[in-house]
Structure formats: structure tokens, C-alpha cells
Amino acid sequence: MGAIFMRIGRNESEFMIFSASKLNIISQMMYRFLTLLLIFFLSACTNFLFVPIKPHPVTPDAVNVLYEELTIDSSDGQQLHGWKLLAAEKTAGTILFFHGNGDNVSTQLPNTFWLPEQGYDVYIFDYRGYGQSDGVATLDGTISDMELMIAYVVHQLPEDEKVIVIGHSLGGSMAIYTVAHSAYRNRIKSLVTIEAFSDYHDITQDVLSRSWLFWLFQWPLSFTIDNSYRPLDSISLISPIPILILHSESDEMIDMYHADRLFETAKQPKSFALIDSNHSNVFFTKANRRVLLDSFSKLHY
């Protein structure tokens, strides 16, 4: 077997002889390490979109809101859990709220509990894998769940009543596709997106670029994310359903350019409003709640 000489010392006479077999072992170890590193990166990207939260820290009765427990069954046998928050006196309408990633119906209570006080019944469900819902979160499965949720709510309402769809963050981005292609478009009164992103590849790059570990790989790894449901490709199809886009310049997760692109691409009737919040605590302040309610009154139905 041949040998390879490699200089490792300061003097020309200081050499170490590596056999080809030893180098082969080292190369195999490096290959395995790089393979594991690639798997780690790909896994991180795959899991980036969905970080399901299971525990329910609070229920609506903790904030003095009447509610009903709901369950619906998906076509592939997953049971999905949700709540209906009940208005003391329903005078304003019905809202279906789609929460974002890293959330569930319980963690979104700070953003939803105040709406029944304004006369709205609010439906909010957990997608598969989230909260008390069955299954594992996937993009295809979640889009299917959202259409099922729209169908469920619509069938609870009188034929002459339409539902307002609100989506936050990932929920807003997925809602754009779902509403645009829904079989129940004629029963949707308006769509409101809150701090939604415009493109799955771009938001992946945005997030990966903030980490020194992933920065170098942000561009190639972003293309491991399915972009079939790209919001920018669907938002122009929302019309003639009115769309309201809410975003904060203080959002630390999703840059303002996403909202700008969505609004530019959307067709009339459309509205845009700035809110002042971080990414999660959207309606902690009465000022932001007022922005939403005022925007409802300005939409042309």
C-alpha cells in the first residue's frame, strides 16, 4: 500500500507518514460529519415553518369570556380542536381567526378575547399538530385544515351572513392562498392579514440570515421550503373580497417589505394600516384594536 508524506513541523525533516487507509478513515469521518450537518440544516428548515405549541396555559373563562369547545374531523381522519368565543350580544358579525406559528388557540387569547366585547363571535382552531388537535403539522395538511375550518364556520351561519377571516403571521400568509382558492369565497366578507409574509423562500432567508450558523446557507436552504402556496401568487385573486393588511414597523420577525409587496400586488378593494407592536402582542393595546375596528368600517363591501 502506498504512503502519503505530510509536513507538520517547522523543520524540513519533521514529517508524519499517513497511510492511505488512515486518510480514507478520516475522509469517511468528514463525510459523515458533513452529512449530519446537512441533515441538521435541512431539518431546521423543514421545521422552521411549523413549531407547534401543545399546552393550553389559559382558557377563555380566565378572562371572563363565554366559549364553546369545538371539534371537527378532517378528511384524512385528524380531529381538530377549537373554540368559539361568544359575544354577549352579537351585533357586529362573525370572525374566523387563524393563528400563527408557535401559537395555539390559548396563546392567542390576548389577541382575540376583546373581540366578543365588540359584538363579534370568534372561531379559532388549532391546525393539525397544534394544541389539542391530532396529527403532525405540514403545509399541505394545514392549508386543507383551513379550508375545512372555513367550511365549518360558514355552515354554522345563516345563508345571508358572511364571515370575516383574520390571519396572523404564518396564519395570515396561508389564509391568503386559502381564501383565494376557497370554495366558499362568496361567504367571506373580508380578509385581514396581520404581519404576514409574502414568500416562503424569502422569509426563510430572512430568518436564517439572522443566525451566524445558518447565514452562509440561507440561500440554498431556503429552496428546501415548499413555495407552492406563495402568498404573492394568490393575493391578486382575493378580489373582489376586500383585504386589509396590517403590519408594524417594529415587527422583529417579518420585515415591512413583505407587507409592502403584498399590498402592491393585491387588487382593489384593499386597505393598509400601520400598527405599533412587536410580532406577537398585536392587540395588547387599545390603540391597535381601534385601528382594526376603524379599518373594518372603511372597507367597501
C-alpha atoms as a PDB file:
ATOM      1  CA  MET A   1       0.000   0.000   0.000  1.00  0.00           C
ATOM      2  CA  GLY A   2       1.311   3.422  -0.891  1.00  0.00           C
ATOM      3  CA  ALA A   3       2.055   6.166   1.578  1.00  0.00           C
ATOM      4  CA  ILE A   4       1.485   9.908   1.668  1.00  0.00           C
ATOM      5  CA  PHE A   5       4.016  12.222   3.312  1.00  0.00           C
ATOM      6  CA  MET A   6       2.781  15.372   5.010  1.00  0.00           C
ATOM      7  CA  ARG A   7       4.937  18.011   6.621  1.00  0.00           C
ATOM      8  CA  ILE A   8       3.677  19.012  10.075  1.00  0.00           C
ATOM      9  CA  GLY A   9       6.719  20.503  11.788  1.00  0.00           C
ATOM     10  CA  ARG A  10       8.922  23.544  11.463  1.00  0.00           C
ATOM     11  CA  ASN A  11      11.968  21.648  10.243  1.00  0.00           C
ATOM     12  CA  GLU A  12      12.096  20.034   6.848  1.00  0.00           C
ATOM     13  CA  SER A  13      12.922  16.702   8.477  1.00  0.00           C
ATOM     14  CA  GLU A  14       9.766  16.668  10.557  1.00  0.00           C
ATOM     15  CA  PHE A  15       7.280  14.595   8.632  1.00  0.00           C
ATOM     16  CA  MET A  16       4.411  12.306   9.501  1.00  0.00           C
ATOM     17  CA  ILE A  17       3.547   9.433   7.250  1.00  0.00           C
ATOM     18  CA  PHE A  18      -0.129   8.753   6.755  1.00  0.00           C
ATOM     19  CA  SER A  19      -1.153   5.506   5.158  1.00  0.00           C
ATOM     20  CA  ALA A  20      -3.862   5.668   2.537  1.00  0.00           C
ATOM     21  CA  SER A  21      -6.133   3.618   4.804  1.00  0.00           C
ATOM     22  CA  LYS A  22      -5.884   6.205   7.592  1.00  0.00           C
ATOM     23  CA  LEU A  23      -6.694   9.014   5.200  1.00  0.00           C
ATOM     24  CA  ASN A  24      -9.661   7.009   3.973  1.00  0.00           C
ATOM     25  CA  ILE A  25     -10.958   6.716   7.547  1.00  0.00           C
ATOM     26  CA  ILE A  26     -10.559  10.467   8.060  1.00  0.00           C
ATOM     27  CA  SER A  27     -12.351  11.255   4.796  1.00  0.00           C
ATOM     28  CA  GLN A  28     -15.212   8.951   5.802  1.00  0.00           C
ATOM     29  CA  MET A  29     -15.472  10.683   9.158  1.00  0.00           C
ATOM     30  CA  MET A  30     -15.557  14.094   7.452  1.00  0.00           C
ATOM     31  CA  TYR A  31     -18.184  12.853   5.001  1.00  0.00           C
ATOM     32  CA  ARG A  32     -20.365  11.596   7.846  1.00  0.00           C
ATOM     33  CA  PHE A  33     -19.939  14.843   9.744  1.00  0.00           C
ATOM     34  CA  LEU A  34     -20.893  16.945   6.724  1.00  0.00           C
ATOM     35  CA  THR A  35     -23.837  14.650   6.000  1.00  0.00           C
ATOM     36  CA  LEU A  36     -25.090  15.000   9.568  1.00  0.00           C
ATOM     37  CA  LEU A  37     -24.586  18.764   9.355  1.00  0.00           C
ATOM     38  CA  LEU A  38     -26.590  18.901   6.121  1.00  0.00           C
ATOM     39  CA  ILE A  39     -29.359  16.784   7.660  1.00  0.00           C
ATOM     40  CA  PHE A  40     -29.398  19.152  10.636  1.00  0.00           C
ATOM     41  CA  PHE A  41     -29.702  22.188   8.358  1.00  0.00           C
ATOM     42  CA  LEU A  42     -32.427  20.589   6.243  1.00  0.00           C
ATOM     43  CA  SER A  43     -34.301  19.511   9.351  1.00  0.00           C
ATOM     44  CA  ALA A  44     -34.062  23.035  10.731  1.00  0.00           C
ATOM     45  CA  CYS A  45     -35.507  24.415   7.503  1.00  0.00           C
ATOM     46  CA  THR A  46     -38.268  21.821   7.360  1.00  0.00           C
ATOM     47  CA  ASN A  47     -39.249  22.545  10.960  1.00  0.00           C
ATOM     48  CA  PHE A  48     -38.868  26.292  10.501  1.00  0.00           C
ATOM     49  CA  LEU A  49     -42.407  26.741   9.204  1.00  0.00           C
ATOM     50  CA  PHE A  50     -44.091  24.748  11.940  1.00  0.00           C
ATOM     51  CA  VAL A  51     -43.286  24.926  15.635  1.00  0.00           C
ATOM     52  CA  PRO A  52     -46.466  23.518  17.189  1.00  0.00           C
ATOM     53  CA  ILE A  53     -47.285  24.567  20.739  1.00  0.00           C
ATOM     54  CA  LYS A  54     -49.274  21.970  22.678  1.00  0.00           C
ATOM     55  CA  PRO A  55     -50.030  23.280  26.197  1.00  0.00           C
ATOM     56  CA  HIS A  56     -53.053  25.489  26.839  1.00  0.00           C
ATOM     57  CA  PRO A  57     -51.925  27.851  29.622  1.00  0.00           C
ATOM     58  CA  VAL A  58     -55.330  29.542  29.906  1.00  0.00           C
ATOM     59  CA  THR A  59     -58.909  29.095  28.749  1.00  0.00           C
ATOM     60  CA  PRO A  60     -61.373  31.863  27.842  1.00  0.00           C
ATOM     61  CA  ASP A  61     -63.157  31.702  31.188  1.00  0.00           C
ATOM     62  CA  ALA A  62     -59.949  33.006  32.772  1.00  0.00           C
ATOM     63  CA  VAL A  63     -60.623  36.307  31.002  1.00  0.00           C
ATOM     64  CA  ASN A  64     -64.386  36.171  31.554  1.00  0.00           C
ATOM     65  CA  VAL A  65     -65.268  35.175  28.009  1.00  0.00           C
ATOM     66  CA  LEU A  66     -68.027  32.654  27.368  1.00  0.00           C
ATOM     67  CA  TYR A  67     -66.969  29.926  24.962  1.00  0.00           C
ATOM     68  CA  GLU A  68     -67.751  26.552  23.474  1.00  0.00           C
ATOM     69  CA  GLU A  69     -65.344  23.677  22.842  1.00  0.00           C
ATOM     70  CA  LEU A  70     -65.355  22.576  19.194  1.00  0.00           C
ATOM     71  CA  THR A  71     -64.017  19.572  17.297  1.00  0.00           C
ATOM     72  CA  ILE A  72     -64.103  18.886  13.570  1.00  0.00           C
ATOM     73  CA  ASP A  73     -62.802  15.877  11.653  1.00  0.00           C
ATOM     74  CA  SER A  74     -60.550  16.225   8.638  1.00  0.00           C
ATOM     75  CA  SER A  75     -60.949  14.071   5.541  1.00  0.00           C
ATOM     76  CA  ASP A  76     -57.817  12.100   6.489  1.00  0.00           C
ATOM     77  CA  GLY A  77     -59.078  11.289   9.975  1.00  0.00           C
ATOM     78  CA  GLN A  78     -57.458  14.010  12.099  1.00  0.00           C
ATOM     79  CA  GLN A  79     -59.571  15.564  14.840  1.00  0.00           C
ATOM     80  CA  LEU A  80     -59.083  19.321  15.058  1.00  0.00           C
ATOM     81  CA  HIS A  81     -59.847  21.252  18.219  1.00  0.00           C
ATOM     82  CA  GLY A  82     -61.081  24.812  18.537  1.00  0.00           C
ATOM     83  CA  TRP A  83     -63.072  27.358  20.492  1.00  0.00           C
ATOM     84  CA  LYS A  84     -65.991  29.574  19.734  1.00  0.00           C
ATOM     85  CA  LEU A  85     -65.750  32.785  21.758  1.00  0.00           C
ATOM     86  CA  LEU A  86     -69.264  34.051  22.324  1.00  0.00           C
ATOM     87  CA  ALA A  87     -70.315  37.669  22.128  1.00  0.00           C
ATOM     88  CA  ALA A  88     -72.647  38.685  24.944  1.00  0.00           C
ATOM     89  CA  GLU A  89     -74.707  40.332  22.225  1.00  0.00           C
ATOM     90  CA  LYS A  90     -73.775  39.529  18.639  1.00  0.00           C
ATOM     91  CA  THR A  91     -74.188  42.818  16.807  1.00  0.00           C
ATOM     92  CA  ALA A  92     -71.083  43.071  14.609  1.00  0.00           C
ATOM     93  CA  GLY A  93     -70.613  39.708  12.907  1.00  0.00           C
ATOM     94  CA  THR A  94     -68.523  36.539  12.918  1.00  0.00           C
ATOM     95  CA  ILE A  95     -64.732  36.217  12.770  1.00  0.00           C
ATOM     96  CA  LEU A  96     -62.599  33.183  11.930  1.00  0.00           C
ATOM     97  CA  PHE A  97     -59.112  33.739  13.351  1.00  0.00           C
ATOM     98  CA  PHE A  98     -56.100  31.804  12.008  1.00  0.00           C
ATOM     99  CA  HIS A  99     -53.195  31.909  14.471  1.00  0.00           C
ATOM    100  CA  GLY A 100     -49.521  31.936  13.597  1.00  0.00           C
ATOM    101  CA  ASN A 101     -46.589  29.615  14.159  1.00  0.00           C
ATOM    102  CA  GLY A 102     -45.526  28.846  17.718  1.00  0.00           C
ATOM    103  CA  ASP A 103     -49.080  29.557  18.884  1.00  0.00           C
ATOM    104  CA  ASN A 104     -52.357  27.835  19.593  1.00  0.00           C
ATOM    105  CA  VAL A 105     -55.898  28.878  20.477  1.00  0.00           C
ATOM    106  CA  SER A 106     -54.851  29.526  24.069  1.00  0.00           C
ATOM    107  CA  THR A 107     -51.734  31.604  23.454  1.00  0.00           C
ATOM    108  CA  GLN A 108     -53.737  33.769  21.035  1.00  0.00           C
ATOM    109  CA  LEU A 109     -56.315  34.744  23.662  1.00  0.00           C
ATOM    110  CA  PRO A 110     -54.628  38.131  24.272  1.00  0.00           C
ATOM    111  CA  ASN A 111     -55.299  38.907  20.596  1.00  0.00           C
ATOM    112  CA  THR A 112     -58.864  37.562  20.467  1.00  0.00           C
ATOM    113  CA  PHE A 113     -60.578  37.868  23.859  1.00  0.00           C
ATOM    114  CA  TRP A 114     -61.574  41.518  23.333  1.00  0.00           C
ATOM    115  CA  LEU A 115     -63.473  40.895  20.090  1.00  0.00           C
ATOM    116  CA  PRO A 116     -66.600  39.394  21.738  1.00  0.00           C
ATOM    117  CA  GLU A 117     -66.855  42.624  23.735  1.00  0.00           C
ATOM    118  CA  GLN A 118     -67.206  44.404  20.386  1.00  0.00           C
ATOM    119  CA  GLY A 119     -70.113  42.193  19.330  1.00  0.00           C
ATOM    120  CA  TYR A 120     -68.216  39.522  17.367  1.00  0.00           C
ATOM    121  CA  ASP A 121     -68.466  35.760  17.710  1.00  0.00           C
ATOM    122  CA  VAL A 122     -64.936  34.422  17.182  1.00  0.00           C
ATOM    123  CA  TYR A 123     -63.997  30.973  15.918  1.00  0.00           C
ATOM    124  CA  ILE A 124     -60.392  29.888  16.374  1.00  0.00           C
ATOM    125  CA  PHE A 125     -58.992  26.430  15.716  1.00  0.00           C
ATOM    126  CA  ASP A 126     -55.670  24.648  16.058  1.00  0.00           C
ATOM    127  CA  TYR A 127     -54.240  23.175  12.881  1.00  0.00           C
ATOM    128  CA  ARG A 128     -53.132  19.559  12.936  1.00  0.00           C
ATOM    129  CA  GLY A 129     -50.259  19.070  15.378  1.00  0.00           C
ATOM    130  CA  TYR A 130     -51.062  22.225  17.350  1.00  0.00           C
ATOM    131  CA  GLY A 131     -52.748  22.448  20.743  1.00  0.00           C
ATOM    132  CA  GLN A 132     -55.221  19.608  21.271  1.00  0.00           C
ATOM    133  CA  SER A 133     -55.528  18.780  17.568  1.00  0.00           C
ATOM    134  CA  ASP A 134     -54.342  15.425  16.236  1.00  0.00           C
ATOM    135  CA  GLY A 135     -51.677  14.792  13.653  1.00  0.00           C
ATOM    136  CA  VAL A 136     -48.416  16.333  12.502  1.00  0.00           C
ATOM    137  CA  ALA A 137     -48.185  19.821  11.020  1.00  0.00           C
ATOM    138  CA  THR A 138     -47.442  20.013   7.294  1.00  0.00           C
ATOM    139  CA  LEU A 139     -48.045  22.795   4.800  1.00  0.00           C
ATOM    140  CA  ASP A 140     -50.425  20.747   2.642  1.00  0.00           C
ATOM    141  CA  GLY A 141     -52.288  19.478   5.690  1.00  0.00           C
ATOM    142  CA  THR A 142     -52.604  22.906   7.273  1.00  0.00           C
ATOM    143  CA  ILE A 143     -53.959  24.508   4.097  1.00  0.00           C
ATOM    144  CA  SER A 144     -56.513  21.689   3.928  1.00  0.00           C
ATOM    145  CA  ASP A 145     -57.395  22.257   7.600  1.00  0.00           C
ATOM    146  CA  MET A 146     -58.001  25.949   6.981  1.00  0.00           C
ATOM    147  CA  GLU A 147     -60.432  25.281   4.147  1.00  0.00           C
ATOM    148  CA  LEU A 148     -62.235  22.806   6.401  1.00  0.00           C
ATOM    149  CA  MET A 149     -62.459  25.452   9.133  1.00  0.00           C
ATOM    150  CA  ILE A 150     -63.938  27.983   6.714  1.00  0.00           C
ATOM    151  CA  ALA A 151     -66.493  25.405   5.599  1.00  0.00           C
ATOM    152  CA  TYR A 152     -67.385  24.573   9.201  1.00  0.00           C
ATOM    153  CA  VAL A 153     -67.938  28.200  10.204  1.00  0.00           C
ATOM    154  CA  VAL A 154     -69.913  29.047   7.067  1.00  0.00           C
ATOM    155  CA  HIS A 155     -72.283  26.161   7.739  1.00  0.00           C
ATOM    156  CA  GLN A 156     -72.952  27.496  11.256  1.00  0.00           C
ATOM    157  CA  LEU A 157     -74.159  30.838   9.898  1.00  0.00           C
ATOM    158  CA  PRO A 158     -77.400  31.955   8.286  1.00  0.00           C
ATOM    159  CA  GLU A 159     -77.182  31.955   4.491  1.00  0.00           C
ATOM    160  CA  ASP A 160     -77.171  35.752   4.355  1.00  0.00           C
ATOM    161  CA  GLU A 161     -74.247  36.152   6.788  1.00  0.00           C
ATOM    162  CA  LYS A 162     -70.615  36.228   5.750  1.00  0.00           C
ATOM    163  CA  VAL A 163     -67.511  35.579   7.860  1.00  0.00           C
ATOM    164  CA  ILE A 164     -64.518  37.878   8.381  1.00  0.00           C
ATOM    165  CA  VAL A 165     -61.267  35.910   8.097  1.00  0.00           C
ATOM    166  CA  ILE A 166     -58.280  37.177  10.110  1.00  0.00           C
ATOM    167  CA  GLY A 167     -54.838  35.577   9.874  1.00  0.00           C
ATOM    168  CA  HIS A 168     -51.770  36.407  11.943  1.00  0.00           C
ATOM    169  CA  SER A 169     -48.201  35.792  10.723  1.00  0.00           C
ATOM    170  CA  LEU A 170     -47.998  32.313   9.137  1.00  0.00           C
ATOM    171  CA  GLY A 171     -51.767  32.095   9.567  1.00  0.00           C
ATOM    172  CA  GLY A 172     -52.154  35.259   7.502  1.00  0.00           C
ATOM    173  CA  SER A 173     -49.848  34.041   4.752  1.00  0.00           C
ATOM    174  CA  MET A 174     -51.637  30.705   4.487  1.00  0.00           C
ATOM    175  CA  ALA A 175     -55.023  32.447   4.659  1.00  0.00           C
ATOM    176  CA  ILE A 176     -54.176  34.414   1.501  1.00  0.00           C
ATOM    177  CA  TYR A 177     -53.877  31.207  -0.504  1.00  0.00           C
ATOM    178  CA  THR A 178     -56.815  29.525   1.236  1.00  0.00           C
ATOM    179  CA  VAL A 179     -59.259  32.402   0.752  1.00  0.00           C
ATOM    180  CA  ALA A 180     -58.143  32.991  -2.848  1.00  0.00           C
ATOM    181  CA  HIS A 181     -58.892  29.370  -3.750  1.00  0.00           C
ATOM    182  CA  SER A 182     -61.716  28.625  -1.321  1.00  0.00           C
ATOM    183  CA  ALA A 183     -64.929  27.006  -2.477  1.00  0.00           C
ATOM    184  CA  TYR A 184     -66.663  29.383  -0.030  1.00  0.00           C
ATOM    185  CA  ARG A 185     -65.354  32.691  -1.371  1.00  0.00           C
ATOM    186  CA  ASN A 186     -68.887  34.028  -1.713  1.00  0.00           C
ATOM    187  CA  ARG A 187     -69.369  33.594   2.048  1.00  0.00           C
ATOM    188  CA  ILE A 188     -66.241  35.541   3.052  1.00  0.00           C
ATOM    189  CA  LYS A 189     -66.870  39.171   3.952  1.00  0.00           C
ATOM    190  CA  SER A 190     -63.235  40.291   4.112  1.00  0.00           C
ATOM    191  CA  LEU A 191     -59.710  39.059   4.745  1.00  0.00           C
ATOM    192  CA  VAL A 192     -57.400  40.698   7.281  1.00  0.00           C
ATOM    193  CA  THR A 193     -53.713  39.763   7.363  1.00  0.00           C
ATOM    194  CA  ILE A 194     -51.613  40.767  10.350  1.00  0.00           C
ATOM    195  CA  GLU A 195     -47.821  40.759   9.954  1.00  0.00           C
ATOM    196  CA  ALA A 196     -47.958  38.153   7.199  1.00  0.00           C
ATOM    197  CA  PHE A 197     -45.029  37.318   4.928  1.00  0.00           C
ATOM    198  CA  SER A 198     -45.159  37.342   1.149  1.00  0.00           C
ATOM    199  CA  ASP A 199     -42.942  34.447   0.074  1.00  0.00           C
ATOM    200  CA  TYR A 200     -41.839  31.232   1.818  1.00  0.00           C
ATOM    201  CA  HIS A 201     -38.338  31.314   0.328  1.00  0.00           C
ATOM    202  CA  ASP A 202     -37.793  34.954   1.252  1.00  0.00           C
ATOM    203  CA  ILE A 203     -38.980  34.624   4.852  1.00  0.00           C
ATOM    204  CA  THR A 204     -36.759  31.564   5.258  1.00  0.00           C
ATOM    205  CA  GLN A 205     -33.756  33.550   4.044  1.00  0.00           C
ATOM    206  CA  ASP A 206     -34.709  36.437   6.327  1.00  0.00           C
ATOM    207  CA  VAL A 207     -34.768  34.212   9.399  1.00  0.00           C
ATOM    208  CA  LEU A 208     -31.669  32.162   8.537  1.00  0.00           C
ATOM    209  CA  SER A 209     -29.658  35.316   7.825  1.00  0.00           C
ATOM    210  CA  ARG A 210     -30.040  36.348  11.473  1.00  0.00           C
ATOM    211  CA  SER A 211     -28.031  33.340  12.671  1.00  0.00           C
ATOM    212  CA  TRP A 212     -24.272  33.006  12.211  1.00  0.00           C
ATOM    213  CA  LEU A 213     -24.748  29.243  11.990  1.00  0.00           C
ATOM    214  CA  PHE A 214     -27.129  29.424   9.033  1.00  0.00           C
ATOM    215  CA  TRP A 215     -26.090  32.695   7.375  1.00  0.00           C
ATOM    216  CA  LEU A 216     -23.812  31.075   4.788  1.00  0.00           C
ATOM    217  CA  PHE A 217     -26.502  28.576   3.804  1.00  0.00           C
ATOM    218  CA  GLN A 218     -29.530  30.876   3.804  1.00  0.00           C
ATOM    219  CA  TRP A 219     -29.993  30.972   0.032  1.00  0.00           C
ATOM    220  CA  PRO A 220     -29.676  27.262  -0.899  1.00  0.00           C
ATOM    221  CA  LEU A 221     -31.541  26.068   2.196  1.00  0.00           C
ATOM    222  CA  SER A 222     -34.441  28.428   1.573  1.00  0.00           C
ATOM    223  CA  PHE A 223     -35.222  26.430  -1.570  1.00  0.00           C
ATOM    224  CA  THR A 224     -35.875  23.324   0.521  1.00  0.00           C
ATOM    225  CA  ILE A 225     -39.110  25.032   1.623  1.00  0.00           C
ATOM    226  CA  ASP A 226     -42.220  24.381  -0.457  1.00  0.00           C
ATOM    227  CA  ASN A 227     -43.253  27.647  -2.142  1.00  0.00           C
ATOM    228  CA  SER A 228     -46.319  26.216  -3.892  1.00  0.00           C
ATOM    229  CA  TYR A 229     -48.631  28.309  -1.708  1.00  0.00           C
ATOM    230  CA  ARG A 230     -46.673  31.544  -2.195  1.00  0.00           C
ATOM    231  CA  PRO A 231     -48.879  34.415  -0.942  1.00  0.00           C
ATOM    232  CA  LEU A 232     -47.690  36.806  -3.674  1.00  0.00           C
ATOM    233  CA  ASP A 233     -49.035  34.435  -6.323  1.00  0.00           C
ATOM    234  CA  SER A 234     -52.517  34.348  -4.784  1.00  0.00           C
ATOM    235  CA  ILE A 235     -53.206  37.742  -3.265  1.00  0.00           C
ATOM    236  CA  SER A 236     -54.374  39.298  -6.544  1.00  0.00           C
ATOM    237  CA  LEU A 237     -57.028  36.561  -6.707  1.00  0.00           C
ATOM    238  CA  ILE A 238     -58.654  37.704  -3.447  1.00  0.00           C
ATOM    239  CA  SER A 239     -60.565  40.491  -5.224  1.00  0.00           C
ATOM    240  CA  PRO A 240     -63.450  41.316  -5.117  1.00  0.00           C
ATOM    241  CA  ILE A 241     -63.217  40.251  -1.464  1.00  0.00           C
ATOM    242  CA  PRO A 242     -61.894  43.292   0.468  1.00  0.00           C
ATOM    243  CA  ILE A 243     -58.463  42.782   2.010  1.00  0.00           C
ATOM    244  CA  LEU A 244     -56.896  44.695   4.875  1.00  0.00           C
ATOM    245  CA  ILE A 245     -53.150  44.409   5.510  1.00  0.00           C
ATOM    246  CA  LEU A 246     -51.880  45.320   8.976  1.00  0.00           C
ATOM    247  CA  HIS A 247     -48.175  45.493   9.797  1.00  0.00           C
ATOM    248  CA  SER A 248     -45.847  47.043  12.335  1.00  0.00           C
ATOM    249  CA  GLU A 249     -42.535  48.720  11.622  1.00  0.00           C
ATOM    250  CA  SER A 250     -41.426  47.303  14.984  1.00  0.00           C
ATOM    251  CA  ASP A 251     -42.050  43.699  13.928  1.00  0.00           C
ATOM    252  CA  GLU A 252     -38.842  41.871  14.770  1.00  0.00           C
ATOM    253  CA  MET A 253     -39.754  38.733  12.799  1.00  0.00           C
ATOM    254  CA  ILE A 254     -41.252  39.814   9.475  1.00  0.00           C
ATOM    255  CA  ASP A 255     -39.853  42.865   7.710  1.00  0.00           C
ATOM    256  CA  MET A 256     -42.089  45.615   6.379  1.00  0.00           C
ATOM    257  CA  TYR A 257     -41.144  44.857   2.770  1.00  0.00           C
ATOM    258  CA  HIS A 258     -43.375  41.775   2.922  1.00  0.00           C
ATOM    259  CA  ALA A 259     -46.431  43.923   3.700  1.00  0.00           C
ATOM    260  CA  ASP A 260     -45.443  46.452   1.026  1.00  0.00           C
ATOM    261  CA  ARG A 261     -45.217  43.751  -1.638  1.00  0.00           C
ATOM    262  CA  LEU A 262     -48.497  42.168  -0.602  1.00  0.00           C
ATOM    263  CA  PHE A 263     -50.329  45.484  -0.708  1.00  0.00           C
ATOM    264  CA  GLU A 264     -48.799  46.466  -4.051  1.00  0.00           C
ATOM    265  CA  THR A 265     -49.799  43.143  -5.621  1.00  0.00           C
ATOM    266  CA  ALA A 266     -53.316  42.986  -4.152  1.00  0.00           C
ATOM    267  CA  LYS A 267     -56.193  44.344  -6.218  1.00  0.00           C
ATOM    268  CA  GLN A 268     -58.946  46.657  -5.072  1.00  0.00           C
ATOM    269  CA  PRO A 269     -60.725  46.797  -2.742  1.00  0.00           C
ATOM    270  CA  LYS A 270     -57.708  46.865  -0.444  1.00  0.00           C
ATOM    271  CA  SER A 271     -56.516  48.832   2.582  1.00  0.00           C
ATOM    272  CA  PHE A 272     -53.289  49.106   4.549  1.00  0.00           C
ATOM    273  CA  ALA A 273     -52.812  50.264   8.130  1.00  0.00           C
ATOM    274  CA  LEU A 274     -49.805  50.559  10.415  1.00  0.00           C
ATOM    275  CA  ILE A 275     -49.968  49.191  13.931  1.00  0.00           C
ATOM    276  CA  ASP A 276     -47.465  49.610  16.745  1.00  0.00           C
ATOM    277  CA  SER A 277     -46.432  46.290  18.274  1.00  0.00           C
ATOM    278  CA  ASN A 278     -43.880  43.534  18.286  1.00  0.00           C
ATOM    279  CA  HIS A 279     -44.635  40.408  16.281  1.00  0.00           C
ATOM    280  CA  SER A 280     -46.762  38.602  18.846  1.00  0.00           C
ATOM    281  CA  ASN A 281     -48.538  41.113  21.068  1.00  0.00           C
ATOM    282  CA  VAL A 282     -50.580  42.691  18.320  1.00  0.00           C
ATOM    283  CA  PHE A 283     -53.747  43.669  20.152  1.00  0.00           C
ATOM    284  CA  PHE A 284     -52.391  44.208  23.650  1.00  0.00           C
ATOM    285  CA  THR A 285     -53.039  47.924  23.216  1.00  0.00           C
ATOM    286  CA  LYS A 286     -56.385  49.615  22.723  1.00  0.00           C
ATOM    287  CA  ALA A 287     -54.830  51.782  20.014  1.00  0.00           C
ATOM    288  CA  ASN A 288     -54.150  48.755  17.793  1.00  0.00           C
ATOM    289  CA  ARG A 289     -57.621  47.378  18.482  1.00  0.00           C
ATOM    290  CA  ARG A 290     -59.071  50.679  17.354  1.00  0.00           C
ATOM    291  CA  VAL A 291     -57.026  50.514  14.128  1.00  0.00           C
ATOM    292  CA  LEU A 292     -58.628  47.166  13.311  1.00  0.00           C
ATOM    293  CA  LEU A 293     -62.167  48.261  14.162  1.00  0.00           C
ATOM    294  CA  ASP A 294     -61.807  51.543  12.273  1.00  0.00           C
ATOM    295  CA  SER A 295     -60.428  49.672   9.283  1.00  0.00           C
ATOM    296  CA  PHE A 296     -63.482  47.416   9.259  1.00  0.00           C
ATOM    297  CA  SER A 297     -65.689  50.460   8.897  1.00  0.00           C
ATOM    298  CA  LYS A 298     -63.617  51.752   5.960  1.00  0.00           C
ATOM    299  CA  LEU A 299     -63.695  48.561   3.930  1.00  0.00           C
ATOM    300  CA  HIS A 300     -66.042  48.703   0.956  1.00  0.00           C
ATOM    301  CA  TYR A 301     -68.204  45.620   0.928  1.00  0.00           C
END
